[in-house]
């Protein structure tokens, strides 16, 4: 039996974390969830960090949005222009 049984590993890990923190769950079930969560983490399941390029694109997109937002101060727009250039 695989860790996630064909399910999204992030969702499975989230469910295990919920089990660990649920006061209505037995200590035995919590211990089992901890073990399974550790096994999944060691096997490389779970969230991956965003790639630097993707993160950079999002930051630049945020600065561009700042330039077009009428609610943003002129100082903030000037800072956004500096960061984009």
PDB file of N, CA and C in Angstrom:
ATOM      1  N   UNK A   1       0.846  -1.175   0.000  1.00  0.00           N
ATOM      2  CA  UNK A   1       0.000   0.000   0.000  1.00  0.00           C
ATOM      3  C   UNK A   1       0.891   1.237   0.000  1.00  0.00           C
ATOM      4  N   UNK A   2       0.636   2.147  -0.918  1.00  0.00           N
ATOM      5  CA  UNK A   2       1.430   3.365  -0.995  1.00  0.00           C
ATOM      6  C   UNK A   2       0.966   4.343   0.073  1.00  0.00           C
ATOM      7  N   UNK A   3       1.771   5.387   0.270  1.00  0.00           N
ATOM      8  CA  UNK A   3       1.444   6.380   1.287  1.00  0.00           C
ATOM      9  C   UNK A   3       0.114   7.061   1.016  1.00  0.00           C
ATOM     10  N   UNK A   4      -0.107   7.464  -0.227  1.00  0.00           N
ATOM     11  CA  UNK A   4      -1.274   8.286  -0.541  1.00  0.00           C
ATOM     12  C   UNK A   4      -2.372   7.508  -1.255  1.00  0.00           C
ATOM     13  N   UNK A   5      -2.122   6.273  -1.629  1.00  0.00           N
ATOM     14  CA  UNK A   5      -3.127   5.462  -2.333  1.00  0.00           C
ATOM     15  C   UNK A   5      -3.749   6.192  -3.510  1.00  0.00           C
ATOM     16  N   UNK A   6      -2.944   6.877  -4.307  1.00  0.00           N
ATOM     17  CA  UNK A   6      -3.442   7.581  -5.482  1.00  0.00           C
ATOM     18  C   UNK A   6      -4.060   8.924  -5.177  1.00  0.00           C
ATOM     19  N   UNK A   7      -4.028   9.353  -3.942  1.00  0.00           N
ATOM     20  CA  UNK A   7      -4.610  10.639  -3.560  1.00  0.00           C
ATOM     21  C   UNK A   7      -3.522  11.710  -3.539  1.00  0.00           C
ATOM     22  N   UNK A   8      -3.942  12.957  -3.503  1.00  0.00           N
ATOM     23  CA  UNK A   8      -3.006  14.070  -3.435  1.00  0.00           C
ATOM     24  C   UNK A   8      -2.225  13.987  -2.119  1.00  0.00           C
ATOM     25  N   UNK A   9      -0.899  13.836  -2.178  1.00  0.00           N
ATOM     26  CA  UNK A   9      -0.100  13.694  -0.956  1.00  0.00           C
ATOM     27  C   UNK A   9      -0.236  14.881  -0.006  1.00  0.00           C
ATOM     28  N   UNK A  10      -0.407  16.087  -0.546  1.00  0.00           N
ATOM     29  CA  UNK A  10      -0.564  17.250   0.325  1.00  0.00           C
ATOM     30  C   UNK A  10      -1.850  17.146   1.138  1.00  0.00           C
ATOM     31  N   UNK A  11      -2.916  16.656   0.511  1.00  0.00           N
ATOM     32  CA  UNK A  11      -4.180  16.484   1.230  1.00  0.00           C
ATOM     33  C   UNK A  11      -4.069  15.390   2.289  1.00  0.00           C
ATOM     34  N   UNK A  12      -3.379  14.321   1.945  1.00  0.00           N
ATOM     35  CA  UNK A  12      -3.194  13.230   2.904  1.00  0.00           C
ATOM     36  C   UNK A  12      -2.400  13.735   4.103  1.00  0.00           C
ATOM     37  N   UNK A  13      -1.323  14.474   3.833  1.00  0.00           N
ATOM     38  CA  UNK A  13      -0.504  15.005   4.925  1.00  0.00           C
ATOM     39  C   UNK A  13      -1.312  15.980   5.783  1.00  0.00           C
ATOM     40  N   UNK A  14      -2.152  16.779   5.146  1.00  0.00           N
ATOM     41  CA  UNK A  14      -3.006  17.696   5.899  1.00  0.00           C
ATOM     42  C   UNK A  14      -3.964  16.952   6.814  1.00  0.00           C
ATOM     43  N   UNK A  15      -4.514  15.863   6.322  1.00  0.00           N
ATOM     44  CA  UNK A  15      -5.400  15.046   7.142  1.00  0.00           C
ATOM     45  C   UNK A  15      -4.675  14.418   8.321  1.00  0.00           C
ATOM     46  N   UNK A  16      -3.449  13.983   8.088  1.00  0.00           N
ATOM     47  CA  UNK A  16      -2.658  13.408   9.176  1.00  0.00           C
ATOM     48  C   UNK A  16      -2.350  14.460  10.240  1.00  0.00           C
ATOM     49  N   UNK A  17      -2.025  15.666   9.791  1.00  0.00           N
ATOM     50  CA  UNK A  17      -1.761  16.752  10.743  1.00  0.00           C
ATOM     51  C   UNK A  17      -3.012  17.081  11.548  1.00  0.00           C
ATOM     52  N   UNK A  18      -4.163  17.061  10.889  1.00  0.00           N
ATOM     53  CA  UNK A  18      -5.427  17.311  11.593  1.00  0.00           C
ATOM     54  C   UNK A  18      -5.680  16.225  12.631  1.00  0.00           C
ATOM     55  N   UNK A  19      -5.379  14.990  12.288  1.00  0.00           N
ATOM     56  CA  UNK A  19      -5.553  13.877  13.226  1.00  0.00           C
ATOM     57  C   UNK A  19      -4.680  14.077  14.455  1.00  0.00           C
ATOM     58  N   UNK A  20      -3.451  14.488  14.239  1.00  0.00           N
ATOM     59  CA  UNK A  20      -2.507  14.685  15.340  1.00  0.00           C
ATOM     60  C   UNK A  20      -3.000  15.772  16.296  1.00  0.00           C
ATOM     61  N   UNK A  21      -3.634  16.800  15.763  1.00  0.00           N
ATOM     62  CA  UNK A  21      -4.053  17.941  16.583  1.00  0.00           C
ATOM     63  C   UNK A  21      -5.494  17.862  17.078  1.00  0.00           C
ATOM     64  N   UNK A  22      -6.203  16.798  16.742  1.00  0.00           N
ATOM     65  CA  UNK A  22      -7.604  16.661  17.139  1.00  0.00           C
ATOM     66  C   UNK A  22      -7.685  16.054  18.544  1.00  0.00           C
ATOM     67  N   UNK A  23      -8.259  16.792  19.508  1.00  0.00           N
ATOM     68  CA  UNK A  23      -8.326  16.268  20.879  1.00  0.00           C
ATOM     69  C   UNK A  23      -9.242  15.050  21.027  1.00  0.00           C
ATOM     70  N   UNK A  24     -10.101  14.789  20.059  1.00  0.00           N
ATOM     71  CA  UNK A  24     -11.030  13.659  20.141  1.00  0.00           C
ATOM     72  C   UNK A  24     -10.429  12.355  19.611  1.00  0.00           C
ATOM     73  N   UNK A  25      -9.208  12.426  19.085  1.00  0.00           N
ATOM     74  CA  UNK A  25      -8.558  11.253  18.496  1.00  0.00           C
ATOM     75  C   UNK A  25      -7.706  10.570  19.564  1.00  0.00           C
ATOM     76  N   UNK A  26      -7.696   9.246  19.553  1.00  0.00           N
ATOM     77  CA  UNK A  26      -6.936   8.478  20.544  1.00  0.00           C
ATOM     78  C   UNK A  26      -5.437   8.704  20.377  1.00  0.00           C
ATOM     79  N   UNK A  27      -4.707   8.466  21.464  1.00  0.00           N
ATOM     80  CA  UNK A  27      -3.252   8.604  21.423  1.00  0.00           C
ATOM     81  C   UNK A  27      -2.637   7.622  20.429  1.00  0.00           C
ATOM     82  N   UNK A  28      -3.224   6.439  20.333  1.00  0.00           N
ATOM     83  CA  UNK A  28      -2.732   5.427  19.391  1.00  0.00           C
ATOM     84  C   UNK A  28      -2.863   5.923  17.948  1.00  0.00           C
ATOM     85  N   UNK A  29      -4.009   6.518  17.625  1.00  0.00           N
ATOM     86  CA  UNK A  29      -4.225   7.047  16.274  1.00  0.00           C
ATOM     87  C   UNK A  29      -3.291   8.221  15.995  1.00  0.00           C
ATOM     88  N   UNK A  30      -3.073   9.051  17.007  1.00  0.00           N
ATOM     89  CA  UNK A  30      -2.154  10.185  16.836  1.00  0.00           C
ATOM     90  C   UNK A  30      -0.739   9.689  16.562  1.00  0.00           C
ATOM     91  N   UNK A  31      -0.322   8.670  17.295  1.00  0.00           N
ATOM     92  CA  UNK A  31       1.022   8.123  17.102  1.00  0.00           C
ATOM     93  C   UNK A  31       1.163   7.516  15.710  1.00  0.00           C
ATOM     94  N   UNK A  32       0.143   6.808  15.266  1.00  0.00           N
ATOM     95  CA  UNK A  32       0.151   6.228  13.923  1.00  0.00           C
ATOM     96  C   UNK A  32       0.234   7.326  12.860  1.00  0.00           C
ATOM     97  N   UNK A  33      -0.527   8.407  13.055  1.00  0.00           N
ATOM     98  CA  UNK A  33      -0.508   9.520  12.102  1.00  0.00           C
ATOM     99  C   UNK A  33       0.865  10.180  12.073  1.00  0.00           C
ATOM    100  N   UNK A  34       1.496  10.331  13.240  1.00  0.00           N
ATOM    101  CA  UNK A  34       2.838  10.926  13.298  1.00  0.00           C
ATOM    102  C   UNK A  34       3.839  10.073  12.526  1.00  0.00           C
ATOM    103  N   UNK A  35       3.765   8.764  12.733  1.00  0.00           N
ATOM    104  CA  UNK A  35       4.685   7.860  12.042  1.00  0.00           C
ATOM    105  C   UNK A  35       4.492   7.931  10.529  1.00  0.00           C
ATOM    106  N   UNK A  36       3.246   7.898  10.096  1.00  0.00           N
ATOM    107  CA  UNK A  36       2.956   7.945   8.653  1.00  0.00           C
ATOM    108  C   UNK A  36       3.390   9.274   8.057  1.00  0.00           C
ATOM    109  N   UNK A  37       3.155  10.373   8.791  1.00  0.00           N
ATOM    110  CA  UNK A  37       3.558  11.695   8.321  1.00  0.00           C
ATOM    111  C   UNK A  37       5.075  11.770   8.181  1.00  0.00           C
ATOM    112  N   UNK A  38       5.796  11.235   9.154  1.00  0.00           N
ATOM    113  CA  UNK A  38       7.259  11.217   9.079  1.00  0.00           C
ATOM    114  C   UNK A  38       7.744  10.381   7.901  1.00  0.00           C
ATOM    115  N   UNK A  39       7.111   9.235   7.670  1.00  0.00           N
ATOM    116  CA  UNK A  39       7.489   8.383   6.540  1.00  0.00           C
ATOM    117  C   UNK A  39       7.267   9.106   5.214  1.00  0.00           C
ATOM    118  N   UNK A  40       6.143   9.796   5.102  1.00  0.00           N
ATOM    119  CA  UNK A  40       5.846  10.524   3.864  1.00  0.00           C
ATOM    120  C   UNK A  40       6.859  11.645   3.642  1.00  0.00           C
ATOM    121  N   UNK A  41       7.191  12.367   4.712  1.00  0.00           N
ATOM    122  CA  UNK A  41       8.145  13.472   4.593  1.00  0.00           C
ATOM    123  C   UNK A  41       9.519  12.951   4.177  1.00  0.00           C
ATOM    124  N   UNK A  42       9.946  11.840   4.764  1.00  0.00           N
ATOM    125  CA  UNK A  42      11.242  11.253   4.422  1.00  0.00           C
ATOM    126  C   UNK A  42      11.274  10.735   2.990  1.00  0.00           C
ATOM    127  N   UNK A  43      10.125  10.332   2.473  1.00  0.00           N
ATOM    128  CA  UNK A  43      10.047   9.800   1.111  1.00  0.00           C
ATOM    129  C   UNK A  43       9.897  10.882   0.054  1.00  0.00           C
ATOM    130  N   UNK A  44       9.852  12.141   0.477  1.00  0.00           N
ATOM    131  CA  UNK A  44       9.784  13.237  -0.484  1.00  0.00           C
ATOM    132  C   UNK A  44       8.389  13.670  -0.863  1.00  0.00           C
ATOM    133  N   UNK A  45       7.380  13.157  -0.165  1.00  0.00           N
ATOM    134  CA  UNK A  45       6.013  13.602  -0.439  1.00  0.00           C
ATOM    135  C   UNK A  45       5.803  14.978   0.168  1.00  0.00           C
ATOM    136  N   UNK A  46       4.786  15.668  -0.333  1.00  0.00           N
ATOM    137  CA  UNK A  46       4.408  16.936   0.263  1.00  0.00           C
ATOM    138  C   UNK A  46       4.767  18.117  -0.596  1.00  0.00           C
ATOM    139  N   UNK A  47       4.629  19.281  -0.015  1.00  0.00           N
ATOM    140  CA  UNK A  47       4.833  20.530  -0.743  1.00  0.00           C
ATOM    141  C   UNK A  47       6.280  20.688  -1.167  1.00  0.00           C
ATOM    142  N   UNK A  48       6.442  21.238  -2.322  1.00  0.00           N
ATOM    143  CA  UNK A  48       7.764  21.582  -2.833  1.00  0.00           C
ATOM    144  C   UNK A  48       7.890  23.100  -2.814  1.00  0.00           C
ATOM    145  N   UNK A  49       9.082  23.565  -2.597  1.00  0.00           N
ATOM    146  CA  UNK A  49       9.310  25.011  -2.599  1.00  0.00           C
ATOM    147  C   UNK A  49       9.115  25.555  -4.003  1.00  0.00           C
ATOM    148  N   UNK A  50       8.610  26.759  -4.076  1.00  0.00           N
ATOM    149  CA  UNK A  50       8.442  27.412  -5.379  1.00  0.00           C
ATOM    150  C   UNK A  50       9.815  27.633  -5.994  1.00  0.00           C
ATOM    151  N   UNK A  51       9.899  27.490  -7.294  1.00  0.00           N
ATOM    152  CA  UNK A  51      11.171  27.723  -7.956  1.00  0.00           C
ATOM    153  C   UNK A  51      11.497  29.204  -7.894  1.00  0.00           C
ATOM    154  N   UNK A  52      12.775  29.567  -7.834  1.00  0.00           N
ATOM    155  CA  UNK A  52      13.136  30.990  -7.765  1.00  0.00           C
ATOM    156  C   UNK A  52      12.554  31.803  -8.916  1.00  0.00           C
ATOM    157  N   UNK A  53      12.549  31.248 -10.132  1.00  0.00           N
ATOM    158  CA  UNK A  53      12.014  31.987 -11.275  1.00  0.00           C
ATOM    159  C   UNK A  53      10.533  32.294 -11.090  1.00  0.00           C
ATOM    160  N   UNK A  54       9.795  31.315 -10.626  1.00  0.00           N
ATOM    161  CA  UNK A  54       8.368  31.507 -10.417  1.00  0.00           C
ATOM    162  C   UNK A  54       8.131  32.558  -9.341  1.00  0.00           C
ATOM    163  N   UNK A  55       8.901  32.492  -8.268  1.00  0.00           N
ATOM    164  CA  UNK A  55       8.767  33.465  -7.191  1.00  0.00           C
ATOM    165  C   UNK A  55       9.123  34.859  -7.694  1.00  0.00           C
ATOM    166  N   UNK A  56      10.194  34.991  -8.462  1.00  0.00           N
ATOM    167  CA  UNK A  56      10.591  36.290  -9.006  1.00  0.00           C
ATOM    168  C   UNK A  56       9.487  36.863  -9.886  1.00  0.00           C
ATOM    169  N   UNK A  57       8.883  36.037 -10.703  1.00  0.00           N
ATOM    170  CA  UNK A  57       7.794  36.494 -11.568  1.00  0.00           C
ATOM    171  C   UNK A  57       6.621  37.007 -10.750  1.00  0.00           C
ATOM    172  N   UNK A  58       6.338  36.361  -9.660  1.00  0.00           N
ATOM    173  CA  UNK A  58       5.224  36.794  -8.810  1.00  0.00           C
ATOM    174  C   UNK A  58       5.537  38.123  -8.136  1.00  0.00           C
ATOM    175  N   UNK A  59       6.765  38.296  -7.714  1.00  0.00           N
ATOM    176  CA  UNK A  59       7.161  39.556  -7.081  1.00  0.00           C
ATOM    177  C   UNK A  59       7.056  40.695  -8.081  1.00  0.00           C
ATOM    178  N   UNK A  60       7.582  40.491  -9.274  1.00  0.00           N
ATOM    179  CA  UNK A  60       7.502  41.523 -10.315  1.00  0.00           C
ATOM    180  C   UNK A  60       6.042  41.815 -10.647  1.00  0.00           C
ATOM    181  N   UNK A  61       5.227  40.791 -10.728  1.00  0.00           N
ATOM    182  CA  UNK A  61       3.803  40.987 -10.987  1.00  0.00           C
ATOM    183  C   UNK A  61       3.140  41.817  -9.901  1.00  0.00           C
ATOM    184  N   UNK A  62       3.549  41.613  -8.675  1.00  0.00           N
ATOM    185  CA  UNK A  62       3.016  42.408  -7.565  1.00  0.00           C
ATOM    186  C   UNK A  62       3.394  43.867  -7.686  1.00  0.00           C
ATOM    187  N   UNK A  63       4.644  44.120  -8.073  1.00  0.00           N
ATOM    188  CA  UNK A  63       5.076  45.512  -8.262  1.00  0.00           C
ATOM    189  C   UNK A  63       4.333  46.158  -9.425  1.00  0.00           C
ATOM    190  N   UNK A  64       4.121  45.408 -10.493  1.00  0.00           N
ATOM    191  CA  UNK A  64       3.365  45.953 -11.632  1.00  0.00           C
ATOM    192  C   UNK A  64       1.931  46.269 -11.221  1.00  0.00           C
ATOM    193  N   UNK A  65       1.346  45.428 -10.408  1.00  0.00           N
ATOM    194  CA  UNK A  65      -0.011  45.689  -9.924  1.00  0.00           C
ATOM    195  C   UNK A  65      -0.039  46.954  -9.074  1.00  0.00           C
ATOM    196  N   UNK A  66       1.010  47.165  -8.304  1.00  0.00           N
ATOM    197  CA  UNK A  66       1.104  48.378  -7.491  1.00  0.00           C
ATOM    198  C   UNK A  66       1.069  49.620  -8.360  1.00  0.00           C
ATOM    199  N   UNK A  67       1.753  49.568  -9.492  1.00  0.00           N
ATOM    200  CA  UNK A  67       1.803  50.729 -10.388  1.00  0.00           C
ATOM    201  C   UNK A  67       0.431  51.080 -10.947  1.00  0.00           C
ATOM    202  N   UNK A  68      -0.434  50.107 -11.097  1.00  0.00           N
ATOM    203  CA  UNK A  68      -1.750  50.328 -11.710  1.00  0.00           C
ATOM    204  C   UNK A  68      -2.879  50.498 -10.690  1.00  0.00           C
ATOM    205  N   UNK A  69      -2.536  50.453  -9.406  1.00  0.00           N
ATOM    206  CA  UNK A  69      -3.557  50.548  -8.364  1.00  0.00           C
ATOM    207  C   UNK A  69      -3.718  52.004  -7.942  1.00  0.00           C
ATOM    208  N   UNK A  70      -4.896  52.562  -8.136  1.00  0.00           N
ATOM    209  CA  UNK A  70      -5.155  53.962  -7.802  1.00  0.00           C
ATOM    210  C   UNK A  70      -5.100  54.229  -6.299  1.00  0.00           C
ATOM    211  N   UNK A  71      -5.245  53.207  -5.487  1.00  0.00           N
ATOM    212  CA  UNK A  71      -5.245  53.373  -4.030  1.00  0.00           C
ATOM    213  C   UNK A  71      -3.841  53.445  -3.438  1.00  0.00           C
ATOM    214  N   UNK A  72      -2.825  53.225  -4.246  1.00  0.00           N
ATOM    215  CA  UNK A  72      -1.448  53.177  -3.765  1.00  0.00           C
ATOM    216  C   UNK A  72      -0.833  54.568  -3.835  1.00  0.00           C
ATOM    217  N   UNK A  73      -0.028  54.900  -2.815  1.00  0.00           N
ATOM    218  CA  UNK A  73       0.602  56.224  -2.760  1.00  0.00           C
ATOM    219  C   UNK A  73       1.657  56.372  -3.850  1.00  0.00           C
ATOM    220  N   UNK A  74       2.000  57.622  -4.142  1.00  0.00           N
ATOM    221  CA  UNK A  74       3.040  57.899  -5.133  1.00  0.00           C
ATOM    222  C   UNK A  74       4.386  57.346  -4.683  1.00  0.00           C
ATOM    223  N   UNK A  75       4.646  57.388  -3.364  1.00  0.00           N
ATOM    224  CA  UNK A  75       5.901  56.836  -2.839  1.00  0.00           C
ATOM    225  C   UNK A  75       5.990  55.335  -3.119  1.00  0.00           C
ATOM    226  N   UNK A  76       4.904  54.641  -2.887  1.00  0.00           N
ATOM    227  CA  UNK A  76       4.893  53.196  -3.122  1.00  0.00           C
ATOM    228  C   UNK A  76       5.065  52.884  -4.603  1.00  0.00           C
ATOM    229  N   UNK A  77       4.448  53.692  -5.458  1.00  0.00           N
ATOM    230  CA  UNK A  77       4.597  53.485  -6.898  1.00  0.00           C
ATOM    231  C   UNK A  77       6.034  53.741  -7.331  1.00  0.00           C
ATOM    232  N   UNK A  78       6.672  54.769  -6.753  1.00  0.00           N
ATOM    233  CA  UNK A  78       8.074  55.055  -7.077  1.00  0.00           C
ATOM    234  C   UNK A  78       8.960  53.884  -6.647  1.00  0.00           C
ATOM    235  N   UNK A  79       8.686  53.340  -5.474  1.00  0.00           N
ATOM    236  CA  UNK A  79       9.460  52.195  -4.997  1.00  0.00           C
ATOM    237  C   UNK A  79       9.258  50.991  -5.920  1.00  0.00           C
ATOM    238  N   UNK A  80       8.033  50.774  -6.355  1.00  0.00           N
ATOM    239  CA  UNK A  80       7.739  49.663  -7.261  1.00  0.00           C
ATOM    240  C   UNK A  80       8.495  49.825  -8.570  1.00  0.00           C
ATOM    241  N   UNK A  81       8.543  51.040  -9.100  1.00  0.00           N
ATOM    242  CA  UNK A  81       9.294  51.287 -10.351  1.00  0.00           C
ATOM    243  C   UNK A  81      10.772  50.963 -10.168  1.00  0.00           C
ATOM    244  N   UNK A  82      11.332  51.370  -9.016  1.00  0.00           N
ATOM    245  CA  UNK A  82      12.747  51.088  -8.732  1.00  0.00           C
ATOM    246  C   UNK A  82      13.003  49.582  -8.678  1.00  0.00           C
ATOM    247  N   UNK A  83      12.102  48.859  -8.066  1.00  0.00           N
ATOM    248  CA  UNK A  83      12.286  47.421  -7.912  1.00  0.00           C
ATOM    249  C   UNK A  83      12.160  46.683  -9.242  1.00  0.00           C
ATOM    250  N   UNK A  84      11.318  47.178 -10.138  1.00  0.00           N
ATOM    251  CA  UNK A  84      11.142  46.535 -11.440  1.00  0.00           C
ATOM    252  C   UNK A  84      12.349  46.785 -12.331  1.00  0.00           C
ATOM    253  N   UNK A  85      12.902  47.973 -12.265  1.00  0.00           N
ATOM    254  CA  UNK A  85      14.044  48.333 -13.140  1.00  0.00           C
ATOM    255  C   UNK A  85      15.330  47.727 -12.710  1.00  0.00           C
TER     256      UNK A  85
END
